[in-house]
Amino acid sequence: PSADGVAVFDHPSIDPLLAVPQPPAERPAMAWDLLHNPYHAFRRTLQQSGLSRCAIRAVRRNGGEPLRSITLMFPSLPIEIVVRPSSPRSSYHGAHDLPYVTVWDVLSGLYEGLRIKIGVDEYMRLGVSEQRNLNTTAERRRRYLPGDDASQARAPRKIDYLGRRRRFLGLRPARTHELPPNRKRDEVYVVEVAVMEG
């Protein structure tokens, strides 16, 4: 059994580019600050064939089929990002649709999902210290990326919840206690992150 008491064969298969390294002390397959657009971060280093691979396959007892939709989450943060297959025009798929979530879909979906502006209602439900931390992080982001989407620059975005924990380590299946209501293990994946150096 794995650390969370689930037999290893019950885990979905995550593409090596996206999986949390095992053992955890190993370096992730790619160095990525989630603040940066993956297209610019990886266009010279990752081949198109790797980006169009299936991101995650279901557990073997469920047929091991490529997944058509996944939800990404960050434990204890109000962030859930649903990723579905992208259209050929917005992906690395070439001229055809692929019927499953690809590595590129995950990278671009994660990036776009973290750029979403935090809504007023969500912001107002936060405590004063949480609001202050978000505002400080958003201001730091604006200074770091001064030309970045000025129309939303004043408001905090989902990525600001992460603070300096923006270094992508990979994905892992959500544990039973982490699953949102009415979700199955095959559907939900935790994004593991670490503090950015420097």
Protein backbone atom coordinates (compact mmCIF):
# COMPACT_ATOMS: atom_id res chain seq x y z
CA PRO A 1 0.00 0.00 0.00
CA SER A 2 0.97 3.65 -0.47
CA ALA A 3 1.32 6.24 2.32
CA ASP A 4 -2.40 7.01 2.31
CA GLY A 5 -3.40 3.35 2.64
CA VAL A 6 -4.48 2.81 -0.99
CA ALA A 7 -3.00 -0.05 -2.97
CA VAL A 8 -0.54 1.19 -5.60
CA PHE A 9 -2.48 -0.47 -8.46
CA ASP A 10 -5.47 1.69 -7.46
CA HIS A 11 -3.66 4.90 -8.39
CA PRO A 12 -4.16 6.52 -11.79
CA SER A 13 -1.19 6.79 -14.13
CA ILE A 14 0.13 10.36 -14.37
CA ASP A 15 2.47 11.32 -17.22
CA PRO A 16 6.09 11.62 -15.94
CA LEU A 17 6.25 15.30 -16.98
CA LEU A 18 3.41 16.05 -14.54
CA ALA A 19 3.84 13.52 -11.73
CA VAL A 20 5.30 14.44 -8.36
CA PRO A 21 8.80 12.89 -8.33
CA GLN A 22 9.23 9.60 -6.48
CA PRO A 23 11.03 9.58 -4.16
CA PRO A 24 10.00 13.15 -3.25
CA ALA A 25 13.62 14.28 -2.87
CA GLU A 26 14.17 13.97 -6.63
CA ARG A 27 13.89 17.02 -8.85
CA PRO A 28 10.62 17.61 -10.75
CA ALA A 29 10.62 16.83 -14.49
CA MET A 30 10.37 20.55 -15.27
CA ALA A 31 11.27 23.77 -13.50
CA TRP A 32 8.23 26.05 -13.65
CA ASP A 33 7.17 29.14 -11.75
CA LEU A 34 3.36 29.03 -12.03
CA LEU A 35 3.36 32.79 -12.54
CA HIS A 36 4.80 32.31 -16.05
CA ASN A 37 2.93 31.29 -19.17
CA PRO A 38 3.92 27.67 -19.94
CA TYR A 39 4.09 28.43 -23.66
CA HIS A 40 6.96 30.86 -23.09
CA ALA A 41 8.50 28.76 -20.31
CA PHE A 42 8.69 25.52 -22.31
CA ARG A 43 8.51 26.28 -26.03
CA ARG A 44 12.23 25.62 -26.48
CA THR A 45 12.64 22.75 -24.02
CA LEU A 46 9.62 20.46 -24.43
CA GLN A 47 8.79 18.69 -27.66
CA GLN A 48 5.30 18.84 -29.11
CA SER A 49 5.00 15.05 -28.85
CA GLY A 50 5.47 15.23 -25.07
CA LEU A 51 2.91 17.99 -24.67
CA SER A 52 0.24 16.13 -26.64
CA ARG A 53 0.58 12.92 -24.59
CA CYS A 54 -2.28 11.82 -22.38
CA ALA A 55 -1.89 13.55 -19.02
CA ILE A 56 -3.60 10.97 -16.81
CA ARG A 57 -5.07 7.49 -17.26
CA ALA A 58 -7.73 6.08 -14.96
CA VAL A 59 -6.87 3.37 -12.44
CA ARG A 60 -6.48 -0.06 -14.01
CA ARG A 61 -9.58 -1.51 -12.35
CA ASN A 62 -11.55 1.24 -14.15
CA GLY A 63 -10.05 0.30 -17.52
CA GLY A 64 -7.01 2.58 -17.54
CA GLU A 65 -8.70 4.89 -20.05
CA PRO A 66 -7.34 8.40 -20.74
CA LEU A 67 -9.27 10.95 -18.69
CA ARG A 68 -11.51 13.48 -20.47
CA SER A 69 -11.75 15.86 -17.53
CA ILE A 70 -9.82 16.42 -14.30
CA THR A 71 -10.05 18.84 -11.39
CA LEU A 72 -6.88 20.39 -9.99
CA MET A 73 -6.84 21.61 -6.40
CA PHE A 74 -4.57 23.05 -3.76
CA PRO A 75 -5.41 21.65 -0.30
CA SER A 76 -6.76 24.24 2.16
CA LEU A 77 -6.98 26.92 -0.55
CA PRO A 78 -10.17 27.98 -2.40
CA ILE A 79 -8.79 26.93 -5.77
CA GLU A 80 -10.36 24.29 -8.01
CA ILE A 81 -9.52 24.23 -11.71
CA VAL A 82 -11.39 21.98 -14.13
CA VAL A 83 -9.28 20.93 -17.12
CA ARG A 84 -10.79 19.53 -20.31
CA PRO A 85 -9.32 18.80 -23.74
CA SER A 86 -8.50 22.02 -25.60
CA SER A 87 -9.26 22.86 -29.19
CA PRO A 88 -6.50 22.45 -31.81
CA ARG A 89 -6.19 26.23 -32.23
CA SER A 90 -5.24 26.73 -28.58
CA SER A 91 -3.02 23.72 -28.06
CA TYR A 92 -0.07 21.63 -29.14
CA HIS A 93 -2.35 18.98 -30.64
CA GLY A 94 -1.73 19.95 -34.24
CA ALA A 95 -4.72 20.10 -36.56
CA HIS A 96 -6.97 17.64 -34.74
CA ASP A 97 -8.89 17.30 -31.49
CA LEU A 98 -7.74 14.74 -28.96
CA PRO A 99 -10.44 13.07 -26.87
CA TYR A 100 -8.54 13.30 -23.60
CA VAL A 101 -6.72 15.77 -21.37
CA THR A 102 -3.12 16.22 -22.55
CA VAL A 103 0.01 17.37 -20.74
CA TRP A 104 -0.40 20.74 -22.49
CA ASP A 105 -4.06 21.00 -21.40
CA VAL A 106 -2.95 20.59 -17.78
CA LEU A 107 -0.15 23.18 -18.04
CA SER A 108 -2.24 25.78 -19.83
CA GLY A 109 -5.38 25.05 -17.76
CA LEU A 110 -3.44 25.47 -14.54
CA TYR A 111 -1.88 28.73 -15.72
CA GLU A 112 -5.20 30.18 -16.93
CA GLY A 113 -7.08 28.99 -13.84
CA LEU A 114 -4.61 30.70 -11.52
CA ARG A 115 -4.96 33.98 -13.45
CA ILE A 116 -8.69 34.25 -12.63
CA LYS A 117 -9.57 37.31 -10.60
CA ILE A 118 -10.73 36.61 -7.04
CA GLY A 119 -14.38 37.59 -6.85
CA VAL A 120 -15.63 40.29 -4.48
CA ASP A 121 -17.77 37.83 -2.48
CA GLU A 122 -14.88 35.42 -2.06
CA TYR A 123 -12.56 38.26 -1.06
CA MET A 124 -15.03 39.63 1.51
CA ARG A 125 -15.35 36.20 3.18
CA LEU A 126 -11.63 36.27 4.00
CA GLY A 127 -10.29 37.55 7.28
CA VAL A 128 -8.53 40.92 7.44
CA SER A 129 -5.07 39.35 7.67
CA GLU A 130 -5.81 37.06 4.68
CA GLN A 131 -6.96 40.08 2.65
CA ARG A 132 -3.81 41.96 3.62
CA ASN A 133 -1.60 39.01 2.60
CA LEU A 134 -3.41 38.70 -0.74
CA ASN A 135 -3.05 42.42 -1.44
CA THR A 136 0.67 42.32 -0.59
CA THR A 137 1.22 39.30 -2.84
CA ALA A 138 -0.78 40.90 -5.69
CA GLU A 139 1.29 44.08 -5.41
CA ARG A 140 4.52 42.05 -5.49
CA ARG A 141 3.23 40.20 -8.59
CA ARG A 142 2.42 43.51 -10.33
CA ARG A 143 5.96 44.78 -9.69
CA TYR A 144 7.46 41.49 -10.90
CA LEU A 145 5.33 41.43 -14.09
CA PRO A 146 4.67 45.14 -14.81
CA GLY A 147 3.24 44.68 -18.31
CA ASP A 148 0.99 41.79 -17.35
CA ASP A 149 -2.69 42.24 -18.25
CA ALA A 150 -3.23 45.75 -16.89
CA SER A 151 -7.02 45.39 -16.98
CA GLN A 152 -6.96 42.95 -14.05
CA ALA A 153 -3.74 44.10 -12.43
CA ARG A 154 -5.37 45.89 -9.47
CA ALA A 155 -7.36 42.92 -8.21
CA PRO A 156 -5.88 39.84 -6.55
CA ARG A 157 -5.94 36.65 -8.62
CA LYS A 158 -6.12 33.01 -7.58
CA ILE A 159 -2.34 32.67 -7.90
CA ASP A 160 -1.94 35.26 -5.14
CA TYR A 161 -3.27 32.68 -2.63
CA LEU A 162 -0.02 30.77 -3.22
CA GLY A 163 2.25 33.62 -2.09
CA ARG A 164 5.82 32.52 -2.86
CA ARG A 165 4.80 28.83 -3.12
CA ARG A 166 4.67 28.94 -6.92
CA ARG A 167 7.28 26.33 -7.89
CA PHE A 168 5.47 23.45 -9.62
CA LEU A 169 6.49 20.07 -8.22
CA GLY A 170 3.83 17.98 -9.94
CA LEU A 171 0.44 16.34 -9.53
CA ARG A 172 -0.69 13.52 -7.30
CA PRO A 173 -4.09 11.89 -6.82
CA ALA A 174 -6.18 13.51 -4.09
CA ARG A 175 -6.43 11.46 -0.91
CA THR A 176 -9.86 10.42 0.29
CA HIS A 177 -10.03 13.15 2.96
CA GLU A 178 -9.08 15.82 0.36
CA LEU A 179 -11.85 15.00 -2.12
CA PRO A 180 -14.54 17.65 -2.58
CA PRO A 181 -18.11 16.39 -2.08
CA ASN A 182 -19.48 14.10 -4.82
CA ARG A 183 -16.09 13.65 -6.50
CA LYS A 184 -14.26 10.40 -7.28
CA ARG A 185 -10.56 9.69 -6.79
CA ASP A 186 -9.93 9.48 -10.54
CA GLU A 187 -11.28 13.00 -11.04
CA VAL A 188 -9.30 15.12 -8.54
CA TYR A 189 -5.56 15.82 -8.45
CA VAL A 190 -3.55 17.87 -5.98
CA VAL A 191 -1.02 20.37 -7.35
CA GLU A 192 2.12 20.15 -5.20
CA VAL A 193 4.12 23.38 -4.99
CA ALA A 194 7.20 24.70 -3.20
CA VAL A 195 8.62 28.09 -2.33
CA MET A 196 10.36 29.93 -5.17
CA GLU A 197 14.03 30.51 -4.47
CA GLY A 198 15.49 34.01 -4.72
